[in-house]
Amino acid sequence: MKVTVDSTVCQGHTLCAMTAPDLFVLSDEDGHAAAAVDAVPPGREEAAREAARTCPEQAVALS
């Protein structure tokens, strides 16, 4: 499973990083998220799904 964050949609709510801090990094400049990993590690798939569900802007995508 791969996780990505659409930087044009992310508004910096930080909910994804609070849900799965090992999967996301936040910009020091504006708080916008980016994926910290290319592939979600085994056993962290449900955390990635939860992070995607919590994003109010639906900026987190899983594939």
N, C-alpha and C. Protein backbone atom coordinates (compact mmCIF):
# COMPACT_ATOMS: atom_id res chain seq x y z
N MET A 1 0.85 -1.17 0.00
CA MET A 1 0.00 0.00 0.00
C MET A 1 0.89 1.23 0.00
N LYS A 2 0.50 2.23 -0.78
CA LYS A 2 1.23 3.48 -0.86
C LYS A 2 0.34 4.60 -0.33
N VAL A 3 0.94 5.57 0.36
CA VAL A 3 0.21 6.72 0.87
C VAL A 3 0.79 7.98 0.25
N THR A 4 -0.09 8.88 -0.16
CA THR A 4 0.33 10.17 -0.70
C THR A 4 -0.55 11.27 -0.11
N VAL A 5 -0.03 12.49 -0.14
CA VAL A 5 -0.79 13.65 0.31
C VAL A 5 -0.80 14.66 -0.83
N ASP A 6 -1.98 15.10 -1.20
CA ASP A 6 -2.12 16.11 -2.25
C ASP A 6 -1.83 17.47 -1.62
N SER A 7 -0.68 18.03 -1.93
CA SER A 7 -0.25 19.28 -1.31
C SER A 7 -1.11 20.47 -1.74
N THR A 8 -1.84 20.33 -2.83
CA THR A 8 -2.71 21.43 -3.25
C THR A 8 -4.03 21.42 -2.51
N VAL A 9 -4.31 20.33 -1.80
CA VAL A 9 -5.57 20.19 -1.07
C VAL A 9 -5.36 20.29 0.44
N CYS A 10 -4.23 19.81 0.93
CA CYS A 10 -3.93 19.80 2.37
C CYS A 10 -4.00 21.22 2.93
N GLN A 11 -4.69 21.35 4.07
CA GLN A 11 -4.82 22.64 4.73
C GLN A 11 -4.06 22.70 6.06
N GLY A 12 -3.33 21.64 6.38
CA GLY A 12 -2.51 21.65 7.58
C GLY A 12 -3.25 21.40 8.88
N HIS A 13 -4.31 20.62 8.83
CA HIS A 13 -5.06 20.30 10.04
C HIS A 13 -4.25 19.38 10.97
N THR A 14 -3.31 18.64 10.44
CA THR A 14 -2.37 17.74 11.14
C THR A 14 -3.01 16.47 11.70
N LEU A 15 -4.26 16.20 11.38
CA LEU A 15 -4.92 15.01 11.93
C LEU A 15 -4.26 13.73 11.45
N CYS A 16 -3.78 13.71 10.21
CA CYS A 16 -3.12 12.50 9.71
C CYS A 16 -1.87 12.20 10.53
N ALA A 17 -1.09 13.22 10.80
CA ALA A 17 0.15 13.02 11.57
C ALA A 17 -0.14 12.67 13.02
N MET A 18 -1.23 13.16 13.57
CA MET A 18 -1.60 12.77 14.93
C MET A 18 -2.06 11.32 14.97
N THR A 19 -2.70 10.87 13.90
CA THR A 19 -3.19 9.50 13.82
C THR A 19 -2.08 8.51 13.54
N ALA A 20 -1.17 8.88 12.65
CA ALA A 20 -0.07 7.97 12.25
C ALA A 20 1.22 8.78 12.08
N PRO A 21 1.83 9.18 13.18
CA PRO A 21 3.01 10.05 13.11
C PRO A 21 4.20 9.43 12.39
N ASP A 22 4.23 8.12 12.28
CA ASP A 22 5.32 7.46 11.57
C ASP A 22 5.13 7.47 10.05
N LEU A 23 3.93 7.82 9.60
CA LEU A 23 3.64 7.79 8.17
C LEU A 23 3.63 9.18 7.53
N PHE A 24 3.60 10.23 8.34
CA PHE A 24 3.49 11.59 7.83
C PHE A 24 4.50 12.52 8.49
N VAL A 25 4.95 13.49 7.72
CA VAL A 25 5.78 14.56 8.26
C VAL A 25 5.05 15.87 8.01
N LEU A 26 5.27 16.83 8.90
CA LEU A 26 4.62 18.13 8.78
C LEU A 26 5.65 19.19 8.45
N SER A 27 5.27 20.10 7.60
CA SER A 27 6.14 21.21 7.24
C SER A 27 6.28 22.16 8.42
N ASP A 28 7.51 22.55 8.72
CA ASP A 28 7.74 23.53 9.78
C ASP A 28 7.20 24.90 9.38
N GLU A 29 7.11 25.11 8.09
CA GLU A 29 6.68 26.40 7.57
C GLU A 29 5.18 26.64 7.70
N ASP A 30 4.38 25.66 7.26
CA ASP A 30 2.93 25.88 7.25
C ASP A 30 2.11 24.74 7.84
N GLY A 31 2.76 23.69 8.33
CA GLY A 31 2.05 22.57 8.94
C GLY A 31 1.44 21.59 7.97
N HIS A 32 1.61 21.81 6.67
CA HIS A 32 1.06 20.88 5.69
C HIS A 32 1.78 19.55 5.76
N ALA A 33 1.05 18.49 5.49
CA ALA A 33 1.58 17.13 5.60
C ALA A 33 2.17 16.64 4.29
N ALA A 34 3.06 15.68 4.43
CA ALA A 34 3.61 14.92 3.31
C ALA A 34 3.82 13.50 3.81
N ALA A 35 3.83 12.57 2.90
CA ALA A 35 4.09 11.18 3.28
C ALA A 35 5.54 11.05 3.72
N ALA A 36 5.76 10.36 4.82
CA ALA A 36 7.11 10.13 5.34
C ALA A 36 7.73 8.87 4.76
N VAL A 37 6.90 8.04 4.15
CA VAL A 37 7.36 6.76 3.58
C VAL A 37 6.75 6.58 2.19
N ASP A 38 7.44 5.84 1.35
CA ASP A 38 6.87 5.53 0.03
C ASP A 38 5.84 4.43 0.13
N ALA A 39 6.14 3.42 0.92
CA ALA A 39 5.23 2.29 1.10
C ALA A 39 4.90 2.16 2.59
N VAL A 40 3.64 1.92 2.87
CA VAL A 40 3.20 1.73 4.25
C VAL A 40 3.79 0.42 4.76
N PRO A 41 4.48 0.45 5.90
CA PRO A 41 5.08 -0.77 6.44
C PRO A 41 4.02 -1.81 6.82
N PRO A 42 4.36 -3.07 6.75
CA PRO A 42 3.42 -4.12 7.16
C PRO A 42 2.92 -3.86 8.58
N GLY A 43 1.63 -4.04 8.76
CA GLY A 43 1.03 -3.84 10.07
C GLY A 43 0.56 -2.41 10.32
N ARG A 44 0.87 -1.48 9.42
CA ARG A 44 0.47 -0.08 9.60
C ARG A 44 -0.63 0.33 8.61
N GLU A 45 -1.16 -0.64 7.89
CA GLU A 45 -2.19 -0.34 6.89
C GLU A 45 -3.44 0.28 7.52
N GLU A 46 -3.88 -0.25 8.64
CA GLU A 46 -5.09 0.30 9.27
C GLU A 46 -4.84 1.71 9.76
N ALA A 47 -3.66 2.01 10.25
CA ALA A 47 -3.33 3.39 10.66
C ALA A 47 -3.37 4.33 9.46
N ALA A 48 -2.90 3.86 8.32
CA ALA A 48 -2.94 4.67 7.10
C ALA A 48 -4.39 4.92 6.68
N ARG A 49 -5.22 3.89 6.76
CA ARG A 49 -6.64 4.05 6.41
C ARG A 49 -7.32 5.05 7.35
N GLU A 50 -7.01 4.94 8.63
CA GLU A 50 -7.60 5.86 9.62
C GLU A 50 -7.15 7.29 9.35
N ALA A 51 -5.89 7.48 9.02
CA ALA A 51 -5.38 8.81 8.71
C ALA A 51 -6.11 9.39 7.50
N ALA A 52 -6.34 8.58 6.50
CA ALA A 52 -7.08 9.04 5.31
C ALA A 52 -8.51 9.42 5.68
N ARG A 53 -9.12 8.63 6.55
CA ARG A 53 -10.51 8.92 6.96
C ARG A 53 -10.60 10.20 7.78
N THR A 54 -9.57 10.51 8.57
CA THR A 54 -9.64 11.67 9.45
C THR A 54 -9.37 12.99 8.74
N CYS A 55 -8.84 12.94 7.53
CA CYS A 55 -8.49 14.17 6.82
C CYS A 55 -9.75 14.89 6.36
N PRO A 56 -10.02 16.08 6.92
CA PRO A 56 -11.24 16.81 6.53
C PRO A 56 -11.23 17.26 5.07
N GLU A 57 -10.05 17.41 4.51
CA GLU A 57 -9.93 17.87 3.13
C GLU A 57 -9.81 16.72 2.13
N GLN A 58 -9.73 15.49 2.65
CA GLN A 58 -9.54 14.29 1.83
C GLN A 58 -8.28 14.39 0.96
N ALA A 59 -7.22 14.92 1.58
CA ALA A 59 -5.94 15.10 0.88
C ALA A 59 -5.08 13.86 0.92
N VAL A 60 -5.40 12.93 1.82
CA VAL A 60 -4.60 11.69 1.96
C VAL A 60 -5.20 10.62 1.07
N ALA A 61 -4.36 10.06 0.20
CA ALA A 61 -4.82 9.01 -0.71
C ALA A 61 -4.01 7.74 -0.50
N LEU A 62 -4.69 6.62 -0.62
CA LEU A 62 -4.06 5.30 -0.50
C LEU A 62 -4.20 4.58 -1.83
N SER A 63 -3.15 3.86 -2.20
CA SER A 63 -3.24 3.07 -3.43
C SER A 63 -2.50 1.76 -3.25
